[in-house]
Amino acid sequence: MMSSRHELLPHKAEDFRKQEYWDKFFNQRGEKAFEWYGEYASLRPGLQALLGLPDDAPVSLLRRLKAKVRVLVVGCGNSALSGDLVADGFGNLLSVDFSRRVIDEMQRKHPTMQWRVMDMTDMRTLEDASFELVMDKGALDALMADDTNEIKEDASEDVK
């Protein structure tokens, strides 16, 4: 039986920073995708504008341009975002989360995509400037405000 949303919330805000919390969250939640802040369709226009992709360009051109963009999705969870990005033409994508349980689930669902267990506060194993785009739909909110500058600095090192 799926838990209510209230039962899934941690007792303390610091629990959002614990891998154990997220493993339990995804175990209780099941395999149904969980979208914290909306779906890809609502993000798509702003993302295309950010990347300088014209709305009126032919679909084939947009797909070729998107295929060249190296994308890192941090705190991917079991959101449909990574799959939606690939379906929209972003084929060079790495999705990371520090919940082994959710990464295993996503690898089963999308075996041709790249998934990695990784703590977004320690991304030293990624080559600097190896991504043109880093996407996050809520992972930074799970961290204390004091640490977000350090995390943003680490993520900015991975962006060209």
Foldseek 3Di string as FASTA:
>chain_A
DADDPVVLDDPDLLVLQDLVSLLVSPVRHDLDADADADAVVVVVVVVCVVVVNDPPDDLVVVLVVLCPFAEEEEQCFNHCHVVVSVVSRNQRYEYEAQHPNRQVSVCVVPVVHHYDRDRLLDPVVAQFQQGQYYDYRCSLVSDDPVCSVSSVVVVNRNHD
